[in-house]
Amino acid sequence: MFNIMVVEDNSNVRKLMEAVLIENGYTPVLAKDGLEALEILDKQHIDLIVLDIMMPNMDGYELTKVLRESRYNLPILMVTAKDTPSDKKKGFITGTDDYMVKPVDEEEMILRIAALLRRSQIVNEHRLIIGKTELYYDELTVKQGGKIEELPQKEFMLLFKLLSYQNKIFTRRQLMDEIWGLENDSDERTVDVHINRLRERFKESGDFEIITIRGLGYKAVEL
């Protein structure tokens, strides 16, 4: 059972998230601000953190920054009323893995938590298996039918990202920001070029397919 820490200064919201997590089979661990969260992390294993941004004593940005600088690599999901592009950018720069805007859809939050936990396990193992296809994160290689192929870094990271979140639609901008960096000035068509290269490389694969979602972006599906 996974331990999910909720860092939220509003007691009613904490109680609501606690109930939702218990209902979905998780063990909630509650903290009212960043300082209390750090105290708990010193004593107890936590698998994922759901945290608010606007809190007294230590806000969500500062807590995330402290954790990343201290080499904590557990997944972090920011939940906040601050929804401007600059707020989201600041969150990702400080080290959050995902971002939700209040009021939160409880079902969506649980789905995001599950996806982040799965992603965390994959990264920790540094390997992803889809059917008979194996991706090795450290070596940037893909093994299929006994054949091992090393991919250029961006192509591998793009494929690894899409296959780690099967059926999830990613916009070109999301993929650019994560794989090429928030400060990168490349055109979003760069993503299209890399997707086409991946499709050509794995056109004979019977394990997965990268699908274009017109007007939105891309998703990967297991066949």
C-alpha atoms as a PDB file:
ATOM      1  CA  MET A   1       0.000   0.000   0.000  1.00  0.00           C
ATOM      2  CA  PHE A   2       1.344   3.424  -0.977  1.00  0.00           C
ATOM      3  CA  ASN A   3       1.809   6.255   1.534  1.00  0.00           C
ATOM      4  CA  ILE A   4       0.484   9.500   0.047  1.00  0.00           C
ATOM      5  CA  MET A   5       1.337  12.727   1.857  1.00  0.00           C
ATOM      6  CA  VAL A   6      -1.170  15.578   1.634  1.00  0.00           C
ATOM      7  CA  VAL A   7       0.357  18.981   2.423  1.00  0.00           C
ATOM      8  CA  GLU A   8      -2.517  21.442   2.780  1.00  0.00           C
ATOM      9  CA  ASP A   9      -3.204  24.215   5.300  1.00  0.00           C
ATOM     10  CA  ASN A  10      -7.017  24.012   4.928  1.00  0.00           C
ATOM     11  CA  SER A  11      -8.224  21.365   7.394  1.00  0.00           C
ATOM     12  CA  ASN A  12     -11.446  20.676   5.472  1.00  0.00           C
ATOM     13  CA  VAL A  13      -9.545  20.038   2.240  1.00  0.00           C
ATOM     14  CA  ARG A  14      -7.101  17.781   4.103  1.00  0.00           C
ATOM     15  CA  LYS A  15      -9.982  15.728   5.505  1.00  0.00           C
ATOM     16  CA  LEU A  16     -11.618  15.447   2.082  1.00  0.00           C
ATOM     17  CA  MET A  17      -8.387  14.285   0.428  1.00  0.00           C
ATOM     18  CA  GLU A  18      -7.797  11.870   3.297  1.00  0.00           C
ATOM     19  CA  ALA A  19     -11.210  10.275   2.718  1.00  0.00           C
ATOM     20  CA  VAL A  20     -10.697  10.064  -1.059  1.00  0.00           C
ATOM     21  CA  LEU A  21      -7.278   8.434  -0.660  1.00  0.00           C
ATOM     22  CA  ILE A  22      -8.530   5.873   1.859  1.00  0.00           C
ATOM     23  CA  GLU A  23     -11.469   5.036  -0.399  1.00  0.00           C
ATOM     24  CA  ASN A  24      -9.022   4.309  -3.232  1.00  0.00           C
ATOM     25  CA  GLY A  25      -6.716   2.083  -1.208  1.00  0.00           C
ATOM     26  CA  TYR A  26      -3.965   4.544  -0.286  1.00  0.00           C
ATOM     27  CA  THR A  27      -2.590   5.412   3.143  1.00  0.00           C
ATOM     28  CA  PRO A  28      -2.862   9.187   3.665  1.00  0.00           C
ATOM     29  CA  VAL A  29      -0.266  11.081   5.699  1.00  0.00           C
ATOM     30  CA  LEU A  30      -1.335  14.641   6.522  1.00  0.00           C
ATOM     31  CA  ALA A  31       0.717  17.821   7.000  1.00  0.00           C
ATOM     32  CA  LYS A  32      -0.516  21.395   7.401  1.00  0.00           C
ATOM     33  CA  ASP A  33       2.519  23.083   5.805  1.00  0.00           C
ATOM     34  CA  GLY A  34       5.945  22.479   4.323  1.00  0.00           C
ATOM     35  CA  LEU A  35       7.785  22.479   7.640  1.00  0.00           C
ATOM     36  CA  GLU A  36       5.582  19.752   9.097  1.00  0.00           C
ATOM     37  CA  ALA A  37       5.967  17.790   5.862  1.00  0.00           C
ATOM     38  CA  LEU A  38       9.762  17.850   6.202  1.00  0.00           C
ATOM     39  CA  GLU A  39       9.533  16.616   9.788  1.00  0.00           C
ATOM     40  CA  ILE A  40       7.372  13.682   8.701  1.00  0.00           C
ATOM     41  CA  LEU A  41       9.666  12.830   5.783  1.00  0.00           C
ATOM     42  CA  ASP A  42      12.563  12.490   8.209  1.00  0.00           C
ATOM     43  CA  LYS A  43      10.705   9.745  10.070  1.00  0.00           C
ATOM     44  CA  GLN A  44       8.445   7.995   7.575  1.00  0.00           C
ATOM     45  CA  HIS A  45       8.623   6.649   4.013  1.00  0.00           C
ATOM     46  CA  ILE A  46       6.402   8.570   1.594  1.00  0.00           C
ATOM     47  CA  ASP A  47       5.703   7.395  -1.954  1.00  0.00           C
ATOM     48  CA  LEU A  48       4.107  10.566  -3.365  1.00  0.00           C
ATOM     49  CA  ILE A  49       3.236  14.101  -2.222  1.00  0.00           C
ATOM     50  CA  VAL A  50       0.087  16.067  -3.061  1.00  0.00           C
ATOM     51  CA  LEU A  51       0.630  19.649  -1.996  1.00  0.00           C
ATOM     52  CA  ASP A  52      -0.948  23.074  -2.079  1.00  0.00           C
ATOM     53  CA  ILE A  53       1.151  26.068  -3.125  1.00  0.00           C
ATOM     54  CA  MET A  54      -0.182  28.856  -0.901  1.00  0.00           C
ATOM     55  CA  MET A  55       0.623  27.826   2.686  1.00  0.00           C
ATOM     56  CA  PRO A  56       2.051  29.574   5.756  1.00  0.00           C
ATOM     57  CA  ASN A  57       5.631  29.006   7.026  1.00  0.00           C
ATOM     58  CA  MET A  58       6.803  27.197   3.881  1.00  0.00           C
ATOM     59  CA  ASP A  59       4.796  27.236   0.660  1.00  0.00           C
ATOM     60  CA  GLY A  60       4.606  24.517  -1.977  1.00  0.00           C
ATOM     61  CA  TYR A  61       7.250  26.039  -4.238  1.00  0.00           C
ATOM     62  CA  GLU A  62       9.782  26.250  -1.422  1.00  0.00           C
ATOM     63  CA  LEU A  63       9.020  22.738  -0.164  1.00  0.00           C
ATOM     64  CA  THR A  64       9.465  21.308  -3.666  1.00  0.00           C
ATOM     65  CA  LYS A  65      12.741  23.202  -4.114  1.00  0.00           C
ATOM     66  CA  VAL A  66      14.079  21.952  -0.771  1.00  0.00           C
ATOM     67  CA  LEU A  67      13.128  18.351  -1.555  1.00  0.00           C
ATOM     68  CA  ARG A  68      14.740  18.362  -4.991  1.00  0.00           C
ATOM     69  CA  GLU A  69      17.914  19.976  -3.666  1.00  0.00           C
ATOM     70  CA  SER A  70      18.000  17.286  -0.961  1.00  0.00           C
ATOM     71  CA  ARG A  71      17.799  14.533  -3.638  1.00  0.00           C
ATOM     72  CA  TYR A  72      14.243  13.459  -2.842  1.00  0.00           C
ATOM     73  CA  ASN A  73      12.994  12.121  -6.179  1.00  0.00           C
ATOM     74  CA  LEU A  74       9.516  11.021  -5.107  1.00  0.00           C
ATOM     75  CA  PRO A  75       6.643  12.239  -7.344  1.00  0.00           C
ATOM     76  CA  ILE A  76       5.048  15.586  -6.460  1.00  0.00           C
ATOM     77  CA  LEU A  77       1.564  16.680  -7.567  1.00  0.00           C
ATOM     78  CA  MET A  78       0.806  20.376  -7.016  1.00  0.00           C
ATOM     79  CA  VAL A  79      -2.845  21.211  -6.377  1.00  0.00           C
ATOM     80  CA  THR A  80      -3.563  24.928  -6.342  1.00  0.00           C
ATOM     81  CA  ALA A  81      -5.903  27.774  -7.205  1.00  0.00           C
ATOM     82  CA  LYS A  82      -3.046  29.513  -9.039  1.00  0.00           C
ATOM     83  CA  ASP A  83      -3.589  28.662 -12.686  1.00  0.00           C
ATOM     84  CA  THR A  84      -1.643  31.188 -14.767  1.00  0.00           C
ATOM     85  CA  PRO A  85       1.030  29.918 -17.187  1.00  0.00           C
ATOM     86  CA  SER A  86       3.718  31.608 -15.065  1.00  0.00           C
ATOM     87  CA  ASP A  87       2.489  29.774 -11.939  1.00  0.00           C
ATOM     88  CA  LYS A  88       2.646  26.431 -13.724  1.00  0.00           C
ATOM     89  CA  LYS A  89       6.044  27.225 -15.199  1.00  0.00           C
ATOM     90  CA  LYS A  90       7.404  28.094 -11.751  1.00  0.00           C
ATOM     91  CA  GLY A  91       6.010  24.831 -10.386  1.00  0.00           C
ATOM     92  CA  PHE A  92       7.698  22.702 -13.043  1.00  0.00           C
ATOM     93  CA  ILE A  93      10.966  24.615 -12.773  1.00  0.00           C
ATOM     94  CA  THR A  94      11.093  24.023  -9.003  1.00  0.00           C
ATOM     95  CA  GLY A  95      10.557  20.309  -9.616  1.00  0.00           C
ATOM     96  CA  THR A  96       6.899  19.270  -9.525  1.00  0.00           C
ATOM     97  CA  ASP A  97       5.875  16.300 -11.684  1.00  0.00           C
ATOM     98  CA  ASP A  98       2.273  17.293 -12.297  1.00  0.00           C
ATOM     99  CA  TYR A  99      -0.106  20.180 -11.663  1.00  0.00           C
ATOM    100  CA  MET A 100      -3.857  20.399 -10.969  1.00  0.00           C
ATOM    101  CA  VAL A 101      -6.024  23.483 -10.514  1.00  0.00           C
ATOM    102  CA  LYS A 102      -8.686  23.783  -7.809  1.00  0.00           C
ATOM    103  CA  PRO A 103     -11.492  22.861  -7.582  1.00  0.00           C
ATOM    104  CA  VAL A 104     -10.032  19.402  -8.081  1.00  0.00           C
ATOM    105  CA  ASP A 105     -11.899  16.583  -9.763  1.00  0.00           C
ATOM    106  CA  GLU A 106     -11.371  13.726  -7.294  1.00  0.00           C
ATOM    107  CA  GLU A 107     -11.434  10.985  -9.921  1.00  0.00           C
ATOM    108  CA  GLU A 108      -8.884  12.818 -12.066  1.00  0.00           C
ATOM    109  CA  MET A 109      -6.626  13.315  -9.030  1.00  0.00           C
ATOM    110  CA  ILE A 110      -6.647   9.584  -8.290  1.00  0.00           C
ATOM    111  CA  LEU A 111      -5.863   8.790 -11.941  1.00  0.00           C
ATOM    112  CA  ARG A 112      -2.951  11.232 -11.895  1.00  0.00           C
ATOM    113  CA  ILE A 113      -1.625   9.781  -8.646  1.00  0.00           C
ATOM    114  CA  ALA A 114      -1.741   6.281 -10.116  1.00  0.00           C
ATOM    115  CA  ALA A 115       0.064   7.451 -13.275  1.00  0.00           C
ATOM    116  CA  LEU A 116       2.766   9.244 -11.261  1.00  0.00           C
ATOM    117  CA  LEU A 117       3.350   6.208  -9.056  1.00  0.00           C
ATOM    118  CA  ARG A 118       3.633   3.976 -12.101  1.00  0.00           C
ATOM    119  CA  ARG A 119       6.036   6.415 -13.734  1.00  0.00           C
ATOM    120  CA  SER A 120       8.103   6.549 -10.534  1.00  0.00           C
ATOM    121  CA  GLN A 121       8.426   2.775 -10.418  1.00  0.00           C
ATOM    122  CA  ILE A 122       9.450   2.676 -14.077  1.00  0.00           C
ATOM    123  CA  VAL A 123      12.126   5.342 -13.625  1.00  0.00           C
ATOM    124  CA  ASN A 124      13.457   3.673 -10.474  1.00  0.00           C
ATOM    125  CA  GLU A 125      13.780   0.410 -12.348  1.00  0.00           C
ATOM    126  CA  HIS A 126      15.053   2.275 -15.429  1.00  0.00           C
ATOM    127  CA  ARG A 127      13.214  -0.186 -17.644  1.00  0.00           C
ATOM    128  CA  LEU A 128       9.855  -0.226 -19.394  1.00  0.00           C
ATOM    129  CA  ILE A 129       8.283  -3.314 -20.980  1.00  0.00           C
ATOM    130  CA  ILE A 130       5.492  -3.113 -23.558  1.00  0.00           C
ATOM    131  CA  GLY A 131       4.620  -6.526 -24.922  1.00  0.00           C
ATOM    132  CA  LYS A 132       7.896  -7.908 -26.318  1.00  0.00           C
ATOM    133  CA  THR A 133       9.479  -4.451 -26.493  1.00  0.00           C
ATOM    134  CA  GLU A 134      11.883  -3.393 -23.723  1.00  0.00           C
ATOM    135  CA  LEU A 135      13.154   0.158 -23.200  1.00  0.00           C
ATOM    136  CA  TYR A 136      16.319   0.677 -21.135  1.00  0.00           C
ATOM    137  CA  TYR A 137      16.479   4.220 -19.791  1.00  0.00           C
ATOM    138  CA  ASP A 138      20.169   4.353 -18.853  1.00  0.00           C
ATOM    139  CA  GLU A 139      21.402   3.019 -22.193  1.00  0.00           C
ATOM    140  CA  LEU A 140      18.812   4.811 -24.399  1.00  0.00           C
ATOM    141  CA  THR A 141      18.217   1.452 -26.065  1.00  0.00           C
ATOM    142  CA  VAL A 142      15.171  -0.463 -27.267  1.00  0.00           C
ATOM    143  CA  LYS A 143      15.171  -4.258 -27.476  1.00  0.00           C
ATOM    144  CA  GLN A 144      12.770  -6.012 -29.831  1.00  0.00           C
ATOM    145  CA  GLY A 145      12.909  -9.646 -30.912  1.00  0.00           C
ATOM    146  CA  GLY A 146      16.507 -10.066 -29.815  1.00  0.00           C
ATOM    147  CA  LYS A 147      17.603  -6.910 -31.670  1.00  0.00           C
ATOM    148  CA  ILE A 148      18.926  -3.986 -29.593  1.00  0.00           C
ATOM    149  CA  GLU A 149      18.890  -0.476 -31.055  1.00  0.00           C
ATOM    150  CA  GLU A 150      20.316   2.683 -29.493  1.00  0.00           C
ATOM    151  CA  LEU A 151      18.174   5.761 -30.121  1.00  0.00           C
ATOM    152  CA  PRO A 152      19.144   9.443 -30.183  1.00  0.00           C
ATOM    153  CA  GLN A 153      18.420  10.917 -26.743  1.00  0.00           C
ATOM    154  CA  LYS A 154      15.403  13.050 -27.695  1.00  0.00           C
ATOM    155  CA  GLU A 155      13.775  10.235 -29.652  1.00  0.00           C
ATOM    156  CA  PHE A 156      14.244   7.806 -26.779  1.00  0.00           C
ATOM    157  CA  MET A 157      12.921  10.240 -24.162  1.00  0.00           C
ATOM    158  CA  LEU A 158       9.905  11.032 -26.325  1.00  0.00           C
ATOM    159  CA  LEU A 159       9.097   7.343 -26.806  1.00  0.00           C
ATOM    160  CA  PHE A 160       9.699   6.552 -23.113  1.00  0.00           C
ATOM    161  CA  LYS A 161       7.395   9.408 -22.085  1.00  0.00           C
ATOM    162  CA  LEU A 162       4.530   8.373 -24.351  1.00  0.00           C
ATOM    163  CA  LEU A 163       4.756   4.670 -23.469  1.00  0.00           C
ATOM    164  CA  SER A 164       4.985   5.406 -19.732  1.00  0.00           C
ATOM    165  CA  TYR A 165       1.556   7.062 -19.918  1.00  0.00           C
ATOM    166  CA  GLN A 166      -0.303   4.902 -22.401  1.00  0.00           C
ATOM    167  CA  ASN A 167      -3.553   6.398 -23.749  1.00  0.00           C
ATOM    168  CA  LYS A 168      -2.747   9.804 -22.219  1.00  0.00           C
ATOM    169  CA  ILE A 169      -2.826  12.647 -24.736  1.00  0.00           C
ATOM    170  CA  PHE A 170       0.161  14.996 -24.666  1.00  0.00           C
ATOM    171  CA  THR A 171       0.133  18.304 -26.507  1.00  0.00           C
ATOM    172  CA  ARG A 172       3.153  19.264 -28.554  1.00  0.00           C
ATOM    173  CA  ARG A 173       3.841  22.055 -26.074  1.00  0.00           C
ATOM    174  CA  GLN A 174       3.839  19.645 -23.115  1.00  0.00           C
ATOM    175  CA  LEU A 175       6.300  17.366 -24.875  1.00  0.00           C
ATOM    176  CA  MET A 176       8.511  20.285 -25.890  1.00  0.00           C
ATOM    177  CA  ASP A 177       8.603  21.675 -22.341  1.00  0.00           C
ATOM    178  CA  GLU A 178       9.485  18.350 -20.722  1.00  0.00           C
ATOM    179  CA  ILE A 179      11.914  16.891 -23.238  1.00  0.00           C
ATOM    180  CA  TRP A 180      13.475  19.943 -24.870  1.00  0.00           C
ATOM    181  CA  GLY A 181      13.149  22.243 -21.826  1.00  0.00           C
ATOM    182  CA  LEU A 182      10.965  25.201 -20.896  1.00  0.00           C
ATOM    183  CA  GLU A 183      13.513  27.697 -22.184  1.00  0.00           C
ATOM    184  CA  ASN A 184      14.012  25.986 -25.548  1.00  0.00           C
ATOM    185  CA  ASP A 185      13.129  28.123 -28.569  1.00  0.00           C
ATOM    186  CA  SER A 186      12.613  25.238 -31.013  1.00  0.00           C
ATOM    187  CA  ASP A 187       9.419  25.148 -33.023  1.00  0.00           C
ATOM    188  CA  GLU A 188       6.757  22.663 -31.879  1.00  0.00           C
ATOM    189  CA  ARG A 189       7.054  21.021 -35.291  1.00  0.00           C
ATOM    190  CA  THR A 190      10.275  19.525 -33.910  1.00  0.00           C
ATOM    191  CA  VAL A 191       8.011  17.105 -32.034  1.00  0.00           C
ATOM    192  CA  ASP A 192       6.314  16.090 -35.292  1.00  0.00           C
ATOM    193  CA  VAL A 193       9.695  15.358 -36.887  1.00  0.00           C
ATOM    194  CA  HIS A 194      10.748  13.123 -33.988  1.00  0.00           C
ATOM    195  CA  ILE A 195       7.376  11.341 -33.919  1.00  0.00           C
ATOM    196  CA  ASN A 196       7.698  10.565 -37.630  1.00  0.00           C
ATOM    197  CA  ARG A 197      11.186   9.157 -37.050  1.00  0.00           C
ATOM    198  CA  LEU A 198       9.892   6.919 -34.259  1.00  0.00           C
ATOM    199  CA  ARG A 199       7.020   5.709 -36.416  1.00  0.00           C
ATOM    200  CA  GLU A 200       9.450   4.817 -39.177  1.00  0.00           C
ATOM    201  CA  ARG A 201      11.780   2.997 -36.763  1.00  0.00           C
ATOM    202  CA  PHE A 202       9.002   0.934 -35.199  1.00  0.00           C
ATOM    203  CA  LYS A 203       6.568   0.577 -38.093  1.00  0.00           C
ATOM    204  CA  GLU A 204       6.878  -3.213 -37.870  1.00  0.00           C
ATOM    205  CA  SER A 205       6.246  -3.291 -34.116  1.00  0.00           C
ATOM    206  CA  GLY A 206       3.159  -5.156 -33.070  1.00  0.00           C
ATOM    207  CA  ASP A 207       3.419  -3.948 -29.483  1.00  0.00           C
ATOM    208  CA  PHE A 208       2.503  -0.266 -29.665  1.00  0.00           C
ATOM    209  CA  GLU A 209       1.395   2.557 -31.911  1.00  0.00           C
ATOM    210  CA  ILE A 210       1.779   6.341 -31.677  1.00  0.00           C
ATOM    211  CA  ILE A 211      -1.493   8.005 -32.605  1.00  0.00           C
ATOM    212  CA  THR A 212      -2.029  11.603 -33.697  1.00  0.00           C
ATOM    213  CA  ILE A 213      -4.927  13.341 -31.950  1.00  0.00           C
ATOM    214  CA  ARG A 214      -5.923  16.020 -34.429  1.00  0.00           C
ATOM    215  CA  GLY A 215      -5.717  19.507 -32.991  1.00  0.00           C
ATOM    216  CA  LEU A 216      -4.224  18.273 -29.709  1.00  0.00           C
ATOM    217  CA  GLY A 217      -1.085  16.183 -29.948  1.00  0.00           C
ATOM    218  CA  TYR A 218      -0.109  12.531 -29.540  1.00  0.00           C
ATOM    219  CA  LYS A 219      -0.695   9.429 -27.460  1.00  0.00           C
ATOM    220  CA  ALA A 220       0.759   5.917 -27.437  1.00  0.00           C
ATOM    221  CA  VAL A 221      -1.394   2.809 -27.207  1.00  0.00           C
ATOM    222  CA  GLU A 222      -0.446  -0.814 -26.600  1.00  0.00           C
ATOM    223  CA  LEU A 223      -1.686  -3.140 -29.328  1.00  0.00           C
END
